């Protein structure tokens, strides 16, 4: 019987696409003779707690043993919250008999105890990359403010179209 696998693809912004990840991971699944049963796609930041609905659905499906392997482009697609978050995710998948394989981190396929150390390092690296990106953005905004330039919409501008309020009440009603 062929190993059942799923793909989890995530990008951080609405203007980005998961198609590149999905194409490569689908080919990888075929090379490994895995049976691809589902693709979970997400266009959400890894930092927004509760916004990764597809990741939550993926974990729920793992509980019900719908697959044995999760394929990801890189471990930072699962989380950028650091070592503990990555280790918790990997351990929760392991508890349900599911392996997580990363296309970019080929060591995820190797058996042995060294995996936990490498997962922790990968989680730490993902968190540091995210923090550095944030620092660069904040430094750029500070420089622009220092130059006296306005950041954001021009004063007095009006929306031409109706704004989407999807989720507004849920987020701010608390």
N, C-alpha and C. Protein backbone atom coordinates (compact mmCIF):
# COMPACT_ATOMS: atom_id res chain seq x y z
N UNK A 1 0.83 -1.19 0.00
CA UNK A 1 0.00 0.00 0.00
C UNK A 1 0.88 1.25 0.00
N UNK A 2 0.53 2.20 -0.86
CA UNK A 2 1.32 3.44 -0.97
C UNK A 2 1.10 4.35 0.24
N UNK A 3 2.14 5.07 0.58
CA UNK A 3 2.09 6.01 1.69
C UNK A 3 1.23 7.20 1.27
N UNK A 4 0.27 7.55 2.13
CA UNK A 4 -0.60 8.70 1.85
C UNK A 4 0.08 9.96 2.35
N UNK A 5 0.12 10.98 1.51
CA UNK A 5 0.75 12.23 1.90
C UNK A 5 -0.16 13.41 1.58
N UNK A 6 0.14 14.52 2.22
CA UNK A 6 -0.52 15.79 1.95
C UNK A 6 0.56 16.84 1.77
N UNK A 7 0.17 17.93 1.16
CA UNK A 7 1.06 19.07 0.98
C UNK A 7 0.51 20.22 1.81
N UNK A 8 1.40 20.88 2.54
CA UNK A 8 1.03 22.12 3.23
C UNK A 8 1.89 23.23 2.63
N UNK A 9 1.23 24.18 1.97
CA UNK A 9 1.93 25.31 1.35
C UNK A 9 1.40 26.60 1.96
N UNK A 10 2.33 27.48 2.34
CA UNK A 10 1.93 28.76 2.93
C UNK A 10 2.79 29.88 2.38
N UNK A 11 2.13 30.98 2.08
CA UNK A 11 2.82 32.23 1.75
C UNK A 11 2.31 33.29 2.72
N UNK A 12 3.10 34.33 2.90
CA UNK A 12 2.77 35.31 3.93
C UNK A 12 1.76 36.36 3.49
N UNK A 13 1.68 36.65 2.22
CA UNK A 13 0.82 37.74 1.79
C UNK A 13 -0.18 37.36 0.73
N UNK A 14 -1.20 38.19 0.62
CA UNK A 14 -2.26 37.94 -0.37
C UNK A 14 -1.75 38.09 -1.80
N UNK A 15 -0.68 38.84 -1.99
CA UNK A 15 -0.16 39.06 -3.35
C UNK A 15 0.78 37.93 -3.78
N UNK A 16 1.07 36.99 -2.90
CA UNK A 16 1.96 35.89 -3.22
C UNK A 16 1.15 34.65 -3.58
N UNK A 17 1.81 33.70 -4.23
CA UNK A 17 1.15 32.48 -4.69
C UNK A 17 1.81 31.24 -4.09
N UNK A 18 1.01 30.23 -3.83
CA UNK A 18 1.53 28.95 -3.34
C UNK A 18 1.84 27.99 -4.50
N UNK A 19 1.55 28.40 -5.72
CA UNK A 19 1.66 27.51 -6.88
C UNK A 19 3.06 26.92 -7.04
N UNK A 20 4.10 27.72 -6.85
CA UNK A 20 5.47 27.21 -7.01
C UNK A 20 5.75 26.08 -6.02
N UNK A 21 5.36 26.29 -4.77
CA UNK A 21 5.57 25.26 -3.76
C UNK A 21 4.79 23.99 -4.13
N UNK A 22 3.55 24.16 -4.51
CA UNK A 22 2.68 23.00 -4.79
C UNK A 22 3.20 22.20 -5.98
N UNK A 23 3.64 22.88 -7.04
CA UNK A 23 4.17 22.18 -8.21
C UNK A 23 5.36 21.30 -7.85
N UNK A 24 6.31 21.88 -7.14
CA UNK A 24 7.52 21.14 -6.78
C UNK A 24 7.21 20.01 -5.81
N UNK A 25 6.36 20.28 -4.81
CA UNK A 25 6.04 19.25 -3.83
C UNK A 25 5.21 18.12 -4.45
N UNK A 26 4.37 18.43 -5.43
CA UNK A 26 3.61 17.39 -6.13
C UNK A 26 4.56 16.47 -6.89
N UNK A 27 5.52 17.06 -7.58
CA UNK A 27 6.53 16.26 -8.30
C UNK A 27 7.34 15.41 -7.33
N UNK A 28 7.68 15.98 -6.20
CA UNK A 28 8.45 15.26 -5.18
C UNK A 28 7.65 14.07 -4.66
N UNK A 29 6.36 14.26 -4.43
CA UNK A 29 5.50 13.16 -3.98
C UNK A 29 5.45 12.05 -5.02
N UNK A 30 5.36 12.42 -6.29
CA UNK A 30 5.36 11.42 -7.37
C UNK A 30 6.67 10.65 -7.41
N UNK A 31 7.80 11.35 -7.26
CA UNK A 31 9.12 10.70 -7.26
C UNK A 31 9.23 9.68 -6.14
N UNK A 32 8.62 9.98 -5.01
CA UNK A 32 8.68 9.09 -3.86
C UNK A 32 7.60 8.02 -3.89
N UNK A 33 6.76 8.05 -4.92
CA UNK A 33 5.64 7.11 -5.08
C UNK A 33 4.65 7.22 -3.91
N UNK A 34 4.45 8.45 -3.42
CA UNK A 34 3.45 8.72 -2.40
C UNK A 34 2.11 8.97 -3.07
N UNK A 35 1.05 8.65 -2.38
CA UNK A 35 -0.30 8.94 -2.87
C UNK A 35 -0.72 10.28 -2.27
N UNK A 36 -0.83 11.31 -3.11
CA UNK A 36 -1.21 12.65 -2.65
C UNK A 36 -2.72 12.68 -2.43
N UNK A 37 -3.14 12.91 -1.19
CA UNK A 37 -4.57 12.89 -0.87
C UNK A 37 -5.18 14.28 -0.70
N UNK A 38 -4.35 15.28 -0.38
CA UNK A 38 -4.91 16.63 -0.24
C UNK A 38 -3.80 17.67 -0.23
N UNK A 39 -4.18 18.89 -0.63
CA UNK A 39 -3.28 20.03 -0.59
C UNK A 39 -3.91 21.09 0.30
N UNK A 40 -3.17 21.52 1.30
CA UNK A 40 -3.61 22.57 2.21
C UNK A 40 -2.85 23.85 1.83
N UNK A 41 -3.57 24.89 1.46
CA UNK A 41 -2.95 26.14 1.02
C UNK A 41 -3.34 27.28 1.95
N UNK A 42 -2.37 28.11 2.26
CA UNK A 42 -2.62 29.20 3.19
C UNK A 42 -1.93 30.47 2.70
N UNK A 43 -2.62 31.58 2.79
CA UNK A 43 -2.03 32.88 2.48
C UNK A 43 -2.14 33.75 3.72
N UNK A 44 -1.39 33.36 4.74
CA UNK A 44 -1.42 34.04 6.03
C UNK A 44 -0.01 34.11 6.61
N UNK A 45 0.22 35.10 7.41
CA UNK A 45 1.47 35.23 8.11
C UNK A 45 1.61 34.09 9.12
N UNK A 46 2.82 33.63 9.31
CA UNK A 46 3.06 32.58 10.31
C UNK A 46 3.00 33.15 11.72
N UNK A 47 2.93 34.47 11.86
CA UNK A 47 2.92 35.11 13.17
C UNK A 47 1.52 35.37 13.69
N UNK A 48 0.54 35.38 12.84
CA UNK A 48 -0.82 35.70 13.27
C UNK A 48 -1.47 34.47 13.89
N UNK A 49 -1.50 34.45 15.20
CA UNK A 49 -2.06 33.32 15.93
C UNK A 49 -3.55 33.20 15.60
N UNK A 50 -3.98 32.01 15.29
CA UNK A 50 -5.39 31.77 15.02
C UNK A 50 -5.80 32.03 13.59
N UNK A 51 -4.91 32.60 12.78
CA UNK A 51 -5.27 32.88 11.40
C UNK A 51 -4.91 31.74 10.45
N UNK A 52 -4.10 30.81 10.88
CA UNK A 52 -3.70 29.71 10.02
C UNK A 52 -4.73 28.59 10.10
N UNK A 53 -5.85 28.82 9.44
CA UNK A 53 -6.96 27.87 9.47
C UNK A 53 -6.61 26.54 8.79
N UNK A 54 -5.84 26.60 7.73
CA UNK A 54 -5.45 25.37 7.03
C UNK A 54 -4.50 24.53 7.87
N UNK A 55 -3.62 25.17 8.62
CA UNK A 55 -2.73 24.42 9.51
C UNK A 55 -3.55 23.74 10.60
N UNK A 56 -4.54 24.42 11.12
CA UNK A 56 -5.42 23.82 12.13
C UNK A 56 -6.18 22.63 11.54
N UNK A 57 -6.64 22.78 10.30
CA UNK A 57 -7.35 21.68 9.62
C UNK A 57 -6.40 20.51 9.36
N UNK A 58 -5.16 20.83 8.99
CA UNK A 58 -4.14 19.80 8.78
C UNK A 58 -3.91 19.00 10.05
N UNK A 59 -3.78 19.69 11.19
CA UNK A 59 -3.58 18.99 12.46
C UNK A 59 -4.79 18.14 12.83
N UNK A 60 -5.98 18.65 12.57
CA UNK A 60 -7.19 17.87 12.87
C UNK A 60 -7.26 16.61 12.01
N UNK A 61 -6.88 16.73 10.74
CA UNK A 61 -6.89 15.57 9.85
C UNK A 61 -5.81 14.56 10.25
N UNK A 62 -4.70 15.04 10.81
CA UNK A 62 -3.64 14.13 11.28
C UNK A 62 -4.16 13.29 12.44
N UNK A 63 -4.96 13.90 13.30
CA UNK A 63 -5.55 13.18 14.43
C UNK A 63 -6.39 12.00 13.94
N UNK A 64 -7.06 12.19 12.81
CA UNK A 64 -7.93 11.16 12.25
C UNK A 64 -7.20 10.21 11.28
N UNK A 65 -5.87 10.31 11.26
CA UNK A 65 -5.02 9.39 10.48
C UNK A 65 -5.38 9.37 8.99
N UNK A 66 -5.61 10.53 8.41
CA UNK A 66 -5.96 10.61 6.99
C UNK A 66 -4.72 10.54 6.09
N UNK A 67 -3.53 10.62 6.69
CA UNK A 67 -2.28 10.57 5.92
C UNK A 67 -1.14 10.19 6.86
N UNK A 68 -0.01 9.83 6.26
CA UNK A 68 1.16 9.45 7.05
C UNK A 68 2.31 10.46 6.94
N UNK A 69 2.27 11.30 5.89
CA UNK A 69 3.38 12.23 5.63
C UNK A 69 2.82 13.60 5.25
N UNK A 70 3.47 14.65 5.78
CA UNK A 70 3.19 16.03 5.37
C UNK A 70 4.42 16.52 4.62
N UNK A 71 4.23 17.01 3.41
CA UNK A 71 5.32 17.59 2.63
C UNK A 71 5.22 19.11 2.71
N UNK A 72 6.33 19.75 3.05
CA UNK A 72 6.38 21.21 3.07
C UNK A 72 7.59 21.67 2.26
N UNK A 73 7.50 22.89 1.74
CA UNK A 73 8.62 23.45 0.98
C UNK A 73 9.82 23.64 1.91
N UNK A 74 9.57 24.24 3.07
CA UNK A 74 10.60 24.44 4.09
C UNK A 74 9.90 24.48 5.43
N UNK A 75 10.62 24.19 6.49
CA UNK A 75 10.02 24.16 7.82
C UNK A 75 9.47 25.52 8.24
N UNK A 76 10.04 26.60 7.73
CA UNK A 76 9.52 27.92 8.11
C UNK A 76 8.14 28.18 7.54
N UNK A 77 7.67 27.33 6.64
CA UNK A 77 6.30 27.45 6.14
C UNK A 77 5.32 27.02 7.23
N UNK A 78 5.75 26.15 8.14
CA UNK A 78 4.90 25.73 9.26
C UNK A 78 4.81 26.80 10.33
N UNK A 79 5.97 27.37 10.70
CA UNK A 79 5.99 28.38 11.75
C UNK A 79 7.29 29.16 11.70
N UNK A 80 7.20 30.42 12.11
CA UNK A 80 8.39 31.26 12.27
C UNK A 80 8.50 31.71 13.73
N UNK A 81 7.85 30.98 14.61
CA UNK A 81 7.81 31.38 16.01
C UNK A 81 8.99 30.85 16.83
N UNK A 82 9.89 30.10 16.23
CA UNK A 82 11.07 29.64 16.94
C UNK A 82 11.11 28.14 17.16
N UNK A 83 12.13 27.73 17.88
CA UNK A 83 12.42 26.31 18.11
C UNK A 83 11.27 25.57 18.78
N UNK A 84 10.73 26.15 19.83
CA UNK A 84 9.68 25.46 20.59
C UNK A 84 8.45 25.21 19.71
N UNK A 85 8.08 26.18 18.91
CA UNK A 85 6.89 26.03 18.06
C UNK A 85 7.09 24.91 17.03
N UNK A 86 8.25 24.90 16.40
CA UNK A 86 8.54 23.85 15.41
C UNK A 86 8.56 22.49 16.08
N UNK A 87 9.26 22.38 17.21
CA UNK A 87 9.34 21.10 17.91
C UNK A 87 7.96 20.63 18.36
N UNK A 88 7.13 21.55 18.85
CA UNK A 88 5.77 21.17 19.25
C UNK A 88 4.95 20.65 18.08
N UNK A 89 5.06 21.32 16.95
CA UNK A 89 4.32 20.86 15.76
C UNK A 89 4.81 19.48 15.32
N UNK A 90 6.11 19.32 15.22
CA UNK A 90 6.68 18.05 14.77
C UNK A 90 6.29 16.93 15.75
N UNK A 91 6.39 17.21 17.05
CA UNK A 91 6.03 16.21 18.06
C UNK A 91 4.54 15.86 18.01
N UNK A 92 3.70 16.87 17.79
CA UNK A 92 2.26 16.56 17.71
C UNK A 92 1.96 15.70 16.49
N UNK A 93 2.62 15.97 15.38
CA UNK A 93 2.43 15.12 14.20
C UNK A 93 2.95 13.70 14.46
N UNK A 94 4.13 13.60 15.11
CA UNK A 94 4.69 12.29 15.43
C UNK A 94 3.75 11.47 16.30
N UNK A 95 3.09 12.14 17.23
CA UNK A 95 2.17 11.45 18.14
C UNK A 95 1.03 10.77 17.38
N UNK A 96 0.71 11.27 16.21
CA UNK A 96 -0.35 10.68 15.39
C UNK A 96 0.21 9.82 14.26
N UNK A 97 1.50 9.53 14.32
CA UNK A 97 2.12 8.67 13.31
C UNK A 97 2.38 9.36 11.98
N UNK A 98 2.54 10.68 12.01
CA UNK A 98 2.75 11.46 10.79
C UNK A 98 4.16 12.04 10.79
N UNK A 99 4.85 11.88 9.67
CA UNK A 99 6.18 12.46 9.49
C UNK A 99 6.06 13.75 8.69
N UNK A 100 6.90 14.71 9.00
CA UNK A 100 6.96 15.95 8.24
C UNK A 100 8.26 15.94 7.46
N UNK A 101 8.14 16.05 6.13
CA UNK A 101 9.31 16.08 5.27
C UNK A 101 9.40 17.44 4.59
N UNK A 102 10.58 18.03 4.64
CA UNK A 102 10.81 19.33 4.05
C UNK A 102 11.67 19.19 2.80
N UNK A 103 11.21 19.81 1.73
CA UNK A 103 11.95 19.77 0.46
C UNK A 103 13.30 20.48 0.60
N UNK A 104 13.35 21.57 1.31
CA UNK A 104 14.58 22.35 1.46
C UNK A 104 15.53 21.78 2.51
N UNK A 105 15.00 21.08 3.50
CA UNK A 105 15.82 20.50 4.56
C UNK A 105 15.79 18.98 4.40
N UNK A 106 16.67 18.46 3.57
CA UNK A 106 16.65 17.03 3.25
C UNK A 106 16.92 16.14 4.46
N UNK A 107 17.52 16.70 5.49
CA UNK A 107 17.81 15.92 6.70
C UNK A 107 16.54 15.47 7.41
N UNK A 108 15.37 16.03 7.07
CA UNK A 108 14.12 15.61 7.72
C UNK A 108 13.76 14.16 7.38
N UNK A 109 14.39 13.64 6.34
CA UNK A 109 14.13 12.25 5.96
C UNK A 109 15.01 11.26 6.71
N UNK A 110 16.07 11.74 7.31
CA UNK A 110 17.02 10.86 8.00
C UNK A 110 16.48 10.44 9.37
N UNK A 111 16.59 9.15 9.70
CA UNK A 111 16.15 8.70 11.03
C UNK A 111 17.19 9.07 12.08
N UNK A 112 16.78 9.07 13.32
CA UNK A 112 17.74 9.29 14.40
C UNK A 112 17.41 10.46 15.28
N UNK A 113 18.12 10.52 16.40
CA UNK A 113 17.86 11.52 17.42
C UNK A 113 18.38 12.91 17.06
N UNK A 114 19.30 13.00 16.12
CA UNK A 114 19.85 14.30 15.74
C UNK A 114 18.78 15.22 15.14
N UNK A 115 17.68 14.63 14.70
CA UNK A 115 16.59 15.39 14.10
C UNK A 115 16.05 16.48 15.01
N UNK A 116 15.91 16.20 16.30
CA UNK A 116 15.37 17.20 17.23
C UNK A 116 16.26 18.44 17.30
N UNK A 117 17.55 18.23 17.30
CA UNK A 117 18.48 19.35 17.34
C UNK A 117 18.36 20.16 16.05
N UNK A 118 18.28 19.48 14.93
CA UNK A 118 18.18 20.17 13.64
C UNK A 118 16.85 20.90 13.51
N UNK A 119 15.75 20.31 13.99
CA UNK A 119 14.46 20.99 13.98
C UNK A 119 14.54 22.27 14.82
N UNK A 120 15.17 22.19 15.99
CA UNK A 120 15.31 23.36 16.86
C UNK A 120 16.11 24.45 16.17
N UNK A 121 17.18 24.07 15.51
CA UNK A 121 18.01 25.05 14.79
C UNK A 121 17.20 25.68 13.65
N UNK A 122 16.48 24.87 12.90
CA UNK A 122 15.67 25.39 11.79
C UNK A 122 14.60 26.36 12.30
N UNK A 123 13.98 26.04 13.43
CA UNK A 123 12.99 26.93 14.02
C UNK A 123 13.61 28.25 14.47
N UNK A 124 14.79 28.17 15.06
CA UNK A 124 15.49 29.37 15.51
C UNK A 124 15.86 30.25 14.32
N UNK A 125 16.38 29.63 13.26
CA UNK A 125 16.76 30.38 12.05
C UNK A 125 15.53 31.08 11.45
N UNK A 126 14.40 30.38 11.37
CA UNK A 126 13.18 30.97 10.82
C UNK A 126 12.75 32.18 11.64
N UNK A 127 12.83 32.07 12.95
CA UNK A 127 12.44 33.18 13.82
C UNK A 127 13.39 34.36 13.63
N UNK A 128 14.69 34.09 13.55
CA UNK A 128 15.67 35.17 13.37
C UNK A 128 15.49 35.86 12.03
N UNK A 129 15.23 35.11 10.96
CA UNK A 129 14.99 35.72 9.65
C UNK A 129 13.79 36.65 9.71
N UNK A 130 12.74 36.21 10.36
CA UNK A 130 11.53 37.01 10.47
C UNK A 130 11.79 38.28 11.28
N UNK A 131 12.53 38.17 12.38
CA UNK A 131 12.84 39.33 13.20
C UNK A 131 13.71 40.33 12.44
N UNK A 132 14.67 39.83 11.69
CA UNK A 132 15.54 40.72 10.92
C UNK A 132 14.76 41.45 9.83
N UNK A 133 13.85 40.77 9.18
CA UNK A 133 13.01 41.40 8.16
C UNK A 133 12.18 42.52 8.80
N UNK A 134 11.64 42.25 9.97
CA UNK A 134 10.85 43.25 10.69
C UNK A 134 11.72 44.45 11.08
N UNK A 135 12.92 44.19 11.55
CA UNK A 135 13.83 45.27 11.93
C UNK A 135 14.20 46.14 10.73
N UNK A 136 14.45 45.51 9.58
CA UNK A 136 14.77 46.28 8.37
C UNK A 136 13.60 47.16 7.95
N UNK A 137 12.39 46.62 8.05
CA UNK A 137 11.20 47.38 7.69
C UNK A 137 11.04 48.58 8.62
N UNK A 138 11.18 48.35 9.92
CA UNK A 138 11.04 49.43 10.90
C UNK A 138 12.12 50.49 10.71
N UNK A 139 13.35 50.08 10.40
CA UNK A 139 14.43 51.04 10.16
C UNK A 139 14.13 51.88 8.92
N UNK A 140 13.60 51.25 7.89
CA UNK A 140 13.24 51.98 6.68
C UNK A 140 12.13 52.99 6.94
N UNK A 141 11.12 52.60 7.71
CA UNK A 141 10.03 53.52 8.05
C UNK A 141 10.54 54.69 8.90
N UNK A 142 11.44 54.41 9.84
CA UNK A 142 12.01 55.46 10.68
C UNK A 142 12.81 56.46 9.83
N UNK A 143 13.57 55.95 8.86
CA UNK A 143 14.36 56.82 7.98
C UNK A 143 13.44 57.73 7.18
N UNK A 144 12.36 57.17 6.64
CA UNK A 144 11.43 57.95 5.84
C UNK A 144 10.76 59.02 6.70
N UNK A 145 10.37 58.66 7.93
CA UNK A 145 9.78 59.65 8.84
C UNK A 145 10.77 60.77 9.15
N UNK A 146 12.03 60.40 9.37
CA UNK A 146 13.07 61.37 9.69
C UNK A 146 13.26 62.36 8.54
N UNK A 147 13.08 61.88 7.32
CA UNK A 147 13.19 62.74 6.14
C UNK A 147 11.96 63.63 5.98
N UNK A 148 10.97 63.44 6.88
CA UNK A 148 9.78 64.28 6.85
C UNK A 148 8.72 63.83 5.87
N UNK A 149 8.85 62.65 5.34
CA UNK A 149 7.85 62.14 4.41
C UNK A 149 6.71 61.49 5.16
N UNK A 150 5.54 61.61 4.59
CA UNK A 150 4.34 61.02 5.19
C UNK A 150 4.27 59.53 4.84
N UNK A 151 3.94 58.73 5.83
CA UNK A 151 3.79 57.29 5.60
C UNK A 151 2.31 56.96 5.65
N UNK A 152 1.85 56.22 4.68
CA UNK A 152 0.45 55.81 4.66
C UNK A 152 -0.35 56.60 3.64
N UNK A 153 -1.65 56.56 3.83
CA UNK A 153 -2.55 57.24 2.90
C UNK A 153 -2.43 58.75 3.04
N UNK A 154 -2.59 59.46 1.93
CA UNK A 154 -2.58 60.92 2.02
C UNK A 154 -3.73 61.41 2.89
N UNK A 155 -3.50 62.49 3.63
CA UNK A 155 -4.53 63.06 4.49
C UNK A 155 -5.71 63.49 3.64
N UNK A 156 -6.90 63.18 4.14
CA UNK A 156 -8.13 63.56 3.46
C UNK A 156 -8.56 62.65 2.33
N UNK A 157 -7.80 61.59 2.07
CA UNK A 157 -8.18 60.68 0.97
C UNK A 157 -9.39 59.85 1.37
N UNK A 158 -10.17 59.52 0.39
CA UNK A 158 -11.40 58.75 0.62
C UNK A 158 -11.31 57.45 -0.17
N UNK A 159 -11.95 56.42 0.35
CA UNK A 159 -12.03 55.16 -0.38
C UNK A 159 -12.98 55.32 -1.55
N UNK A 160 -12.60 54.80 -2.69
CA UNK A 160 -13.48 54.84 -3.86
C UNK A 160 -14.44 53.66 -3.84
N UNK A 161 -13.98 52.56 -3.28
CA UNK A 161 -14.81 51.36 -3.21
C UNK A 161 -15.17 51.05 -1.77
N UNK A 162 -16.12 50.16 -1.62
CA UNK A 162 -16.54 49.76 -0.29
C UNK A 162 -15.48 48.83 0.31
N UNK A 163 -15.12 49.06 1.55
CA UNK A 163 -14.14 48.21 2.23
C UNK A 163 -14.78 46.91 2.70
N UNK A 164 -13.99 45.86 2.66
CA UNK A 164 -14.44 44.57 3.18
C UNK A 164 -14.35 44.61 4.70
N UNK A 165 -15.39 44.18 5.36
CA UNK A 165 -15.40 44.16 6.82
C UNK A 165 -15.35 42.72 7.34
N UNK A 166 -14.99 41.81 6.48
CA UNK A 166 -14.95 40.41 6.85
C UNK A 166 -14.05 40.19 8.06
N UNK A 167 -14.60 39.64 9.08
CA UNK A 167 -13.84 39.33 10.28
C UNK A 167 -13.64 40.50 11.22
N UNK A 168 -14.06 41.70 10.82
CA UNK A 168 -13.83 42.88 11.65
C UNK A 168 -14.47 42.74 13.02
N UNK A 169 -15.73 42.38 13.03
CA UNK A 169 -16.43 42.29 14.31
C UNK A 169 -15.87 41.19 15.19
N UNK A 170 -15.46 40.09 14.58
CA UNK A 170 -14.88 38.99 15.36
C UNK A 170 -13.56 39.39 16.01
N UNK A 171 -12.75 40.15 15.29
CA UNK A 171 -11.44 40.54 15.82
C UNK A 171 -11.54 41.61 16.89
N UNK A 172 -12.45 42.54 16.74
CA UNK A 172 -12.45 43.70 17.64
C UNK A 172 -13.60 43.71 18.63
N UNK A 173 -14.43 42.69 18.64
CA UNK A 173 -15.57 42.64 19.55
C UNK A 173 -15.15 42.21 20.96
N UNK A 174 -13.94 41.72 21.11
CA UNK A 174 -13.49 41.17 22.40
C UNK A 174 -13.29 42.23 23.44
